[in-house]
Amino acid sequence: MSRFQNDEGARRRLLDAQRAESGALRAVMAVERRKHSAQERLDAVDGELAEAQAMLVSISGLSRAAQLLEADERELKQRVKRTD
């Protein structure tokens, strides 16, 4: 086997590894973008939930709302405070 064949084989393996690495990196970045988008939607829905909970608290009172929601009263109070 000549030195040229070894160099060519090594070059080909390096290019293959670089292509695989590039593809894997693109896949990671695509999933990160999807995750970021999903997190933004989740944050928006969580804000809507907190507002709905605050409305229930204003109507029923904190203790009753916590009971109806089967939620910890302190945690519910903190969530409602953040909507103000």
PDB file of N, CA and C in Angstrom:
ATOM      1  N   MET A   1       0.853  -1.169   0.000  1.00  0.00           N
ATOM      2  CA  MET A   1       0.000   0.000   0.000  1.00  0.00           C
ATOM      3  C   MET A   1       0.904   1.238   0.000  1.00  0.00           C
ATOM      4  N   SER A   2       0.638   2.139  -0.890  1.00  0.00           N
ATOM      5  CA  SER A   2       1.489   3.322  -0.992  1.00  0.00           C
ATOM      6  C   SER A   2       1.040   4.396  -0.013  1.00  0.00           C
ATOM      7  N   ARG A   3       1.922   5.346   0.209  1.00  0.00           N
ATOM      8  CA  ARG A   3       1.634   6.464   1.113  1.00  0.00           C
ATOM      9  C   ARG A   3       0.445   7.268   0.590  1.00  0.00           C
ATOM     10  N   PHE A   4       0.344   7.407  -0.750  1.00  0.00           N
ATOM     11  CA  PHE A   4      -0.749   8.153  -1.367  1.00  0.00           C
ATOM     12  C   PHE A   4      -2.108   7.546  -1.012  1.00  0.00           C
ATOM     13  N   GLN A   5      -2.194   6.224  -1.034  1.00  0.00           N
ATOM     14  CA  GLN A   5      -3.452   5.553  -0.702  1.00  0.00           C
ATOM     15  C   GLN A   5      -3.810   5.800   0.765  1.00  0.00           C
ATOM     16  N   ASN A   6      -2.824   5.772   1.644  1.00  0.00           N
ATOM     17  CA  ASN A   6      -3.090   6.045   3.063  1.00  0.00           C
ATOM     18  C   ASN A   6      -3.581   7.470   3.258  1.00  0.00           C
ATOM     19  N   ASP A   7      -2.918   8.419   2.583  1.00  0.00           N
ATOM     20  CA  ASP A   7      -3.315   9.828   2.704  1.00  0.00           C
ATOM     21  C   ASP A   7      -4.730  10.038   2.170  1.00  0.00           C
ATOM     22  N   GLU A   8      -5.020   9.413   1.026  1.00  0.00           N
ATOM     23  CA  GLU A   8      -6.340   9.543   0.418  1.00  0.00           C
ATOM     24  C   GLU A   8      -7.417   8.921   1.311  1.00  0.00           C
ATOM     25  N   GLY A   9      -7.126   7.777   1.882  1.00  0.00           N
ATOM     26  CA  GLY A   9      -8.075   7.127   2.795  1.00  0.00           C
ATOM     27  C   GLY A   9      -8.309   7.965   4.045  1.00  0.00           C
ATOM     28  N   ALA A  10      -7.258   8.520   4.588  1.00  0.00           N
ATOM     29  CA  ALA A  10      -7.384   9.366   5.777  1.00  0.00           C
ATOM     30  C   ALA A  10      -8.192  10.621   5.450  1.00  0.00           C
ATOM     31  N   ARG A  11      -7.932  11.203   4.308  1.00  0.00           N
ATOM     32  CA  ARG A  11      -8.667  12.402   3.880  1.00  0.00           C
ATOM     33  C   ARG A  11     -10.159  12.090   3.728  1.00  0.00           C
ATOM     34  N   ARG A  12     -10.449  10.950   3.117  1.00  0.00           N
ATOM     35  CA  ARG A  12     -11.842  10.547   2.917  1.00  0.00           C
ATOM     36  C   ARG A  12     -12.541  10.307   4.263  1.00  0.00           C
ATOM     37  N   ARG A  13     -11.855   9.640   5.190  1.00  0.00           N
ATOM     38  CA  ARG A  13     -12.447   9.401   6.521  1.00  0.00           C
ATOM     39  C   ARG A  13     -12.682  10.722   7.247  1.00  0.00           C
ATOM     40  N   LEU A  14     -11.738  11.652   7.105  1.00  0.00           N
ATOM     41  CA  LEU A  14     -11.887  12.956   7.743  1.00  0.00           C
ATOM     42  C   LEU A  14     -13.091  13.701   7.163  1.00  0.00           C
ATOM     43  N   LEU A  15     -13.235  13.689   5.850  1.00  0.00           N
ATOM     44  CA  LEU A  15     -14.383  14.351   5.219  1.00  0.00           C
ATOM     45  C   LEU A  15     -15.700  13.707   5.643  1.00  0.00           C
ATOM     46  N   ASP A  16     -15.728  12.394   5.702  1.00  0.00           N
ATOM     47  CA  ASP A  16     -16.928  11.684   6.155  1.00  0.00           C
ATOM     48  C   ASP A  16     -17.275  12.070   7.590  1.00  0.00           C
ATOM     49  N   ALA A  17     -16.264  12.127   8.442  1.00  0.00           N
ATOM     50  CA  ALA A  17     -16.486  12.504   9.842  1.00  0.00           C
ATOM     51  C   ALA A  17     -16.976  13.946   9.943  1.00  0.00           C
ATOM     52  N   GLN A  18     -16.434  14.838   9.129  1.00  0.00           N
ATOM     53  CA  GLN A  18     -16.863  16.236   9.147  1.00  0.00           C
ATOM     54  C   GLN A  18     -18.308  16.372   8.666  1.00  0.00           C
ATOM     55  N   ARG A  19     -18.664  15.609   7.636  1.00  0.00           N
ATOM     56  CA  ARG A  19     -20.049  15.634   7.144  1.00  0.00           C
ATOM     57  C   ARG A  19     -21.016  15.121   8.224  1.00  0.00           C
ATOM     58  N   ALA A  20     -20.636  14.044   8.868  1.00  0.00           N
ATOM     59  CA  ALA A  20     -21.485  13.486   9.923  1.00  0.00           C
ATOM     60  C   ALA A  20     -21.628  14.481  11.067  1.00  0.00           C
ATOM     61  N   GLU A  21     -20.523  15.105  11.439  1.00  0.00           N
ATOM     62  CA  GLU A  21     -20.549  16.088  12.523  1.00  0.00           C
ATOM     63  C   GLU A  21     -21.435  17.273  12.140  1.00  0.00           C
ATOM     64  N   SER A  22     -21.305  17.747  10.924  1.00  0.00           N
ATOM     65  CA  SER A  22     -22.108  18.869  10.448  1.00  0.00           C
ATOM     66  C   SER A  22     -23.600  18.519  10.463  1.00  0.00           C
ATOM     67  N   GLY A  23     -23.928  17.328  10.032  1.00  0.00           N
ATOM     68  CA  GLY A  23     -25.327  16.893  10.051  1.00  0.00           C
ATOM     69  C   GLY A  23     -25.875  16.794  11.463  1.00  0.00           C
ATOM     70  N   ALA A  24     -25.067  16.263  12.349  1.00  0.00           N
ATOM     71  CA  ALA A  24     -25.503  16.149  13.751  1.00  0.00           C
ATOM     72  C   ALA A  24     -25.697  17.523  14.368  1.00  0.00           C
ATOM     73  N   LEU A  25     -24.806  18.448  14.053  1.00  0.00           N
ATOM     74  CA  LEU A  25     -24.925  19.816  14.580  1.00  0.00           C
ATOM     75  C   LEU A  25     -26.189  20.490  14.056  1.00  0.00           C
ATOM     76  N   ARG A  26     -26.490  20.311  12.771  1.00  0.00           N
ATOM     77  CA  ARG A  26     -27.728  20.869  12.205  1.00  0.00           C
ATOM     78  C   ARG A  26     -28.957  20.289  12.898  1.00  0.00           C
ATOM     79  N   ALA A  27     -28.919  18.996  13.182  1.00  0.00           N
ATOM     80  CA  ALA A  27     -30.044  18.355  13.865  1.00  0.00           C
ATOM     81  C   ALA A  27     -30.233  18.930  15.268  1.00  0.00           C
ATOM     82  N   VAL A  28     -29.146  19.121  15.992  1.00  0.00           N
ATOM     83  CA  VAL A  28     -29.226  19.692  17.347  1.00  0.00           C
ATOM     84  C   VAL A  28     -29.803  21.100  17.277  1.00  0.00           C
ATOM     85  N   MET A  29     -29.319  21.901  16.342  1.00  0.00           N
ATOM     86  CA  MET A  29     -29.799  23.279  16.234  1.00  0.00           C
ATOM     87  C   MET A  29     -31.271  23.335  15.874  1.00  0.00           C
ATOM     88  N   ALA A  30     -31.730  22.438  15.026  1.00  0.00           N
ATOM     89  CA  ALA A  30     -33.145  22.397  14.649  1.00  0.00           C
ATOM     90  C   ALA A  30     -34.015  22.057  15.857  1.00  0.00           C
ATOM     91  N   VAL A  31     -33.588  21.101  16.647  1.00  0.00           N
ATOM     92  CA  VAL A  31     -34.349  20.716  17.837  1.00  0.00           C
ATOM     93  C   VAL A  31     -34.332  21.844  18.864  1.00  0.00           C
ATOM     94  N   GLU A  32     -33.203  22.536  18.998  1.00  0.00           N
ATOM     95  CA  GLU A  32     -33.139  23.669  19.926  1.00  0.00           C
ATOM     96  C   GLU A  32     -34.119  24.761  19.513  1.00  0.00           C
ATOM     97  N   ARG A  33     -34.236  25.032  18.205  1.00  0.00           N
ATOM     98  CA  ARG A  33     -35.200  26.037  17.734  1.00  0.00           C
ATOM     99  C   ARG A  33     -36.626  25.600  18.059  1.00  0.00           C
ATOM    100  N   ARG A  34     -36.932  24.314  17.832  1.00  0.00           N
ATOM    101  CA  ARG A  34     -38.273  23.810  18.159  1.00  0.00           C
ATOM    102  C   ARG A  34     -38.542  23.904  19.652  1.00  0.00           C
ATOM    103  N   LYS A  35     -37.535  23.590  20.461  1.00  0.00           N
ATOM    104  CA  LYS A  35     -37.694  23.659  21.913  1.00  0.00           C
ATOM    105  C   LYS A  35     -37.960  25.092  22.350  1.00  0.00           C
ATOM    106  N   HIS A  36     -37.224  26.037  21.792  1.00  0.00           N
ATOM    107  CA  HIS A  36     -37.407  27.450  22.141  1.00  0.00           C
ATOM    108  C   HIS A  36     -38.823  27.908  21.774  1.00  0.00           C
ATOM    109  N   SER A  37     -39.280  27.518  20.601  1.00  0.00           N
ATOM    110  CA  SER A  37     -40.616  27.880  20.156  1.00  0.00           C
ATOM    111  C   SER A  37     -41.683  27.275  21.073  1.00  0.00           C
ATOM    112  N   ALA A  38     -41.499  26.018  21.426  1.00  0.00           N
ATOM    113  CA  ALA A  38     -42.448  25.356  22.331  1.00  0.00           C
ATOM    114  C   ALA A  38     -42.446  26.012  23.705  1.00  0.00           C
ATOM    115  N   GLN A  39     -41.261  26.409  24.182  1.00  0.00           N
ATOM    116  CA  GLN A  39     -41.171  27.056  25.490  1.00  0.00           C
ATOM    117  C   GLN A  39     -41.896  28.399  25.478  1.00  0.00           C
ATOM    118  N   GLU A  40     -41.778  29.141  24.376  1.00  0.00           N
ATOM    119  CA  GLU A  40     -42.494  30.414  24.270  1.00  0.00           C
ATOM    120  C   GLU A  40     -44.002  30.197  24.322  1.00  0.00           C
ATOM    121  N   ARG A  41     -44.482  29.172  23.617  1.00  0.00           N
ATOM    122  CA  ARG A  41     -45.923  28.880  23.650  1.00  0.00           C
ATOM    123  C   ARG A  41     -46.354  28.447  25.044  1.00  0.00           C
ATOM    124  N   LEU A  42     -45.539  27.629  25.698  1.00  0.00           N
ATOM    125  CA  LEU A  42     -45.852  27.179  27.055  1.00  0.00           C
ATOM    126  C   LEU A  42     -45.896  28.362  28.022  1.00  0.00           C
ATOM    127  N   ASP A  43     -44.951  29.283  27.902  1.00  0.00           N
ATOM    128  CA  ASP A  43     -44.939  30.460  28.764  1.00  0.00           C
ATOM    129  C   ASP A  43     -46.200  31.298  28.572  1.00  0.00           C
ATOM    130  N   ALA A  44     -46.638  31.433  27.316  1.00  0.00           N
ATOM    131  CA  ALA A  44     -47.853  32.200  27.044  1.00  0.00           C
ATOM    132  C   ALA A  44     -49.072  31.529  27.665  1.00  0.00           C
ATOM    133  N   VAL A  45     -49.173  30.223  27.518  1.00  0.00           N
ATOM    134  CA  VAL A  45     -50.304  29.486  28.086  1.00  0.00           C
ATOM    135  C   VAL A  45     -50.251  29.539  29.608  1.00  0.00           C
ATOM    136  N   ASP A  46     -49.070  29.458  30.179  1.00  0.00           N
ATOM    137  CA  ASP A  46     -48.941  29.535  31.633  1.00  0.00           C
ATOM    138  C   ASP A  46     -49.416  30.900  32.137  1.00  0.00           C
ATOM    139  N   GLY A  47     -49.133  31.952  31.382  1.00  0.00           N
ATOM    140  CA  GLY A  47     -49.623  33.280  31.752  1.00  0.00           C
ATOM    141  C   GLY A  47     -51.144  33.334  31.724  1.00  0.00           C
ATOM    142  N   GLU A  48     -51.738  32.722  30.705  1.00  0.00           N
ATOM    143  CA  GLU A  48     -53.204  32.667  30.625  1.00  0.00           C
ATOM    144  C   GLU A  48     -53.783  31.891  31.795  1.00  0.00           C
ATOM    145  N   LEU A  49     -53.119  30.792  32.165  1.00  0.00           N
ATOM    146  CA  LEU A  49     -53.578  29.993  33.299  1.00  0.00           C
ATOM    147  C   LEU A  49     -53.525  30.801  34.587  1.00  0.00           C
ATOM    148  N   ALA A  50     -52.444  31.534  34.789  1.00  0.00           N
ATOM    149  CA  ALA A  50     -52.310  32.351  35.998  1.00  0.00           C
ATOM    150  C   ALA A  50     -53.398  33.418  36.058  1.00  0.00           C
ATOM    151  N   GLU A  51     -53.725  34.012  34.908  1.00  0.00           N
ATOM    152  CA  GLU A  51     -54.799  35.018  34.878  1.00  0.00           C
ATOM    153  C   GLU A  51     -56.153  34.385  35.206  1.00  0.00           C
ATOM    154  N   ALA A  52     -56.400  33.203  34.681  1.00  0.00           N
ATOM    155  CA  ALA A  52     -57.661  32.510  34.972  1.00  0.00           C
ATOM    156  C   ALA A  52     -57.729  32.139  36.452  1.00  0.00           C
ATOM    157  N   GLN A  53     -56.615  31.698  37.000  1.00  0.00           N
ATOM    158  CA  GLN A  53     -56.569  31.383  38.432  1.00  0.00           C
ATOM    159  C   GLN A  53     -56.807  32.639  39.259  1.00  0.00           C
ATOM    160  N   ALA A  54     -56.231  33.753  38.840  1.00  0.00           N
ATOM    161  CA  ALA A  54     -56.427  35.015  39.565  1.00  0.00           C
ATOM    162  C   ALA A  54     -57.896  35.423  39.543  1.00  0.00           C
ATOM    163  N   MET A  55     -58.565  35.197  38.415  1.00  0.00           N
ATOM    164  CA  MET A  55     -59.988  35.514  38.332  1.00  0.00           C
ATOM    165  C   MET A  55     -60.777  34.650  39.303  1.00  0.00           C
ATOM    166  N   LEU A  56     -60.444  33.362  39.358  1.00  0.00           N
ATOM    167  CA  LEU A  56     -61.131  32.469  40.289  1.00  0.00           C
ATOM    168  C   LEU A  56     -60.901  32.913  41.728  1.00  0.00           C
ATOM    169  N   VAL A  57     -59.682  33.304  42.046  1.00  0.00           N
ATOM    170  CA  VAL A  57     -59.376  33.776  43.402  1.00  0.00           C
ATOM    171  C   VAL A  57     -60.171  35.039  43.713  1.00  0.00           C
ATOM    172  N   SER A  58     -60.294  35.937  42.749  1.00  0.00           N
ATOM    173  CA  SER A  58     -61.044  37.175  43.002  1.00  0.00           C
ATOM    174  C   SER A  58     -62.529  36.901  43.215  1.00  0.00           C
ATOM    175  N   ILE A  59     -63.033  35.844  42.609  1.00  0.00           N
ATOM    176  CA  ILE A  59     -64.443  35.500  42.743  1.00  0.00           C
ATOM    177  C   ILE A  59     -64.698  34.657  43.992  1.00  0.00           C
ATOM    178  N   SER A  60     -63.876  33.649  44.207  1.00  0.00           N
ATOM    179  CA  SER A  60     -64.132  32.663  45.256  1.00  0.00           C
ATOM    180  C   SER A  60     -63.309  32.859  46.518  1.00  0.00           C
ATOM    181  N   GLY A  61     -62.297  33.673  46.447  1.00  0.00           N
ATOM    182  CA  GLY A  61     -61.392  33.814  47.581  1.00  0.00           C
ATOM    183  C   GLY A  61     -60.257  32.798  47.452  1.00  0.00           C
ATOM    184  N   LEU A  62     -59.157  33.109  48.106  1.00  0.00           N
ATOM    185  CA  LEU A  62     -57.959  32.290  47.986  1.00  0.00           C
ATOM    186  C   LEU A  62     -58.165  30.868  48.506  1.00  0.00           C
ATOM    187  N   SER A  63     -58.728  30.740  49.694  1.00  0.00           N
ATOM    188  CA  SER A  63     -58.885  29.398  50.277  1.00  0.00           C
ATOM    189  C   SER A  63     -59.784  28.504  49.433  1.00  0.00           C
ATOM    190  N   ARG A  64     -60.920  29.052  49.010  1.00  0.00           N
ATOM    191  CA  ARG A  64     -61.862  28.261  48.207  1.00  0.00           C
ATOM    192  C   ARG A  64     -61.261  27.925  46.836  1.00  0.00           C
ATOM    193  N   ALA A  65     -60.584  28.876  46.225  1.00  0.00           N
ATOM    194  CA  ALA A  65     -59.960  28.634  44.920  1.00  0.00           C
ATOM    195  C   ALA A  65     -58.911  27.526  45.044  1.00  0.00           C
ATOM    196  N   ALA A  66     -58.104  27.597  46.086  1.00  0.00           N
ATOM    197  CA  ALA A  66     -57.092  26.560  46.298  1.00  0.00           C
ATOM    198  C   ALA A  66     -57.758  25.201  46.482  1.00  0.00           C
ATOM    199  N   GLN A  67     -58.850  25.190  47.214  1.00  0.00           N
ATOM    200  CA  GLN A  67     -59.583  23.938  47.425  1.00  0.00           C
ATOM    201  C   GLN A  67     -60.141  23.406  46.102  1.00  0.00           C
ATOM    202  N   LEU A  68     -60.755  24.278  45.319  1.00  0.00           N
ATOM    203  CA  LEU A  68     -61.336  23.867  44.037  1.00  0.00           C
ATOM    204  C   LEU A  68     -60.264  23.369  43.067  1.00  0.00           C
ATOM    205  N   LEU A  69     -59.120  24.005  43.095  1.00  0.00           N
ATOM    206  CA  LEU A  69     -58.033  23.646  42.182  1.00  0.00           C
ATOM    207  C   LEU A  69     -57.126  22.546  42.732  1.00  0.00           C
ATOM    208  N   GLU A  70     -57.409  22.146  43.962  1.00  0.00           N
ATOM    209  CA  GLU A  70     -56.546  21.177  44.637  1.00  0.00           C
ATOM    210  C   GLU A  70     -55.092  21.648  44.577  1.00  0.00           C
ATOM    211  N   ALA A  71     -54.913  22.922  44.935  1.00  0.00           N
ATOM    212  CA  ALA A  71     -53.600  23.560  44.865  1.00  0.00           C
ATOM    213  C   ALA A  71     -53.173  24.008  46.250  1.00  0.00           C
ATOM    214  N   ASP A  72     -51.884  24.166  46.419  1.00  0.00           N
ATOM    215  CA  ASP A  72     -51.349  24.708  47.660  1.00  0.00           C
ATOM    216  C   ASP A  72     -51.699  26.200  47.717  1.00  0.00           C
ATOM    217  N   GLU A  73     -52.278  26.616  48.826  1.00  0.00           N
ATOM    218  CA  GLU A  73     -52.740  27.990  48.955  1.00  0.00           C
ATOM    219  C   GLU A  73     -51.603  29.002  48.792  1.00  0.00           C
ATOM    220  N   ARG A  74     -50.447  28.709  49.390  1.00  0.00           N
ATOM    221  CA  ARG A  74     -49.304  29.638  49.279  1.00  0.00           C
ATOM    222  C   ARG A  74     -48.812  29.767  47.843  1.00  0.00           C
ATOM    223  N   GLU A  75     -48.732  28.649  47.153  1.00  0.00           N
ATOM    224  CA  GLU A  75     -48.274  28.683  45.758  1.00  0.00           C
ATOM    225  C   GLU A  75     -49.269  29.430  44.869  1.00  0.00           C
ATOM    226  N   LEU A  76     -50.555  29.198  45.112  1.00  0.00           N
ATOM    227  CA  LEU A  76     -51.588  29.888  44.346  1.00  0.00           C
ATOM    228  C   LEU A  76     -51.521  31.391  44.607  1.00  0.00           C
ATOM    229  N   LYS A  77     -51.324  31.761  45.840  1.00  0.00           N
ATOM    230  CA  LYS A  77     -51.213  33.183  46.188  1.00  0.00           C
ATOM    231  C   LYS A  77     -50.030  33.821  45.455  1.00  0.00           C
ATOM    232  N   GLN A  78     -48.911  33.128  45.404  1.00  0.00           N
ATOM    233  CA  GLN A  78     -47.730  33.656  44.702  1.00  0.00           C
ATOM    234  C   GLN A  78     -48.001  33.801  43.207  1.00  0.00           C
ATOM    235  N   ARG A  79     -48.662  32.817  42.610  1.00  0.00           N
ATOM    236  CA  ARG A  79     -48.978  32.903  41.172  1.00  0.00           C
ATOM    237  C   ARG A  79     -49.900  34.079  40.892  1.00  0.00           C
ATOM    238  N   VAL A  80     -50.899  34.266  41.759  1.00  0.00           N
ATOM    239  CA  VAL A  80     -51.849  35.357  41.570  1.00  0.00           C
ATOM    240  C   VAL A  80     -51.143  36.699  41.720  1.00  0.00           C
ATOM    241  N   LYS A  81     -50.225  36.800  42.678  1.00  0.00           N
ATOM    242  CA  LYS A  81     -49.477  38.055  42.870  1.00  0.00           C
ATOM    243  C   LYS A  81     -48.688  38.415  41.622  1.00  0.00           C
ATOM    244  N   ARG A  82     -48.133  37.432  40.946  1.00  0.00           N
ATOM    245  CA  ARG A  82     -47.320  37.705  39.743  1.00  0.00           C
ATOM    246  C   ARG A  82     -48.147  38.211  38.582  1.00  0.00           C
ATOM    247  N   THR A  83     -49.462  37.985  38.599  1.00  0.00           N
ATOM    248  CA  THR A  83     -50.306  38.478  37.505  1.00  0.00           C
ATOM    249  C   THR A  83     -50.673  39.930  37.704  1.00  0.00           C
ATOM    250  N   ASP A  84     -50.517  40.437  38.899  1.00  0.00           N
ATOM    251  CA  ASP A  84     -50.870  41.857  39.174  1.00  0.00           C
ATOM    252  C   ASP A  84     -49.922  42.818  38.530  1.00  0.00           C
TER     253      ASP A  84
END
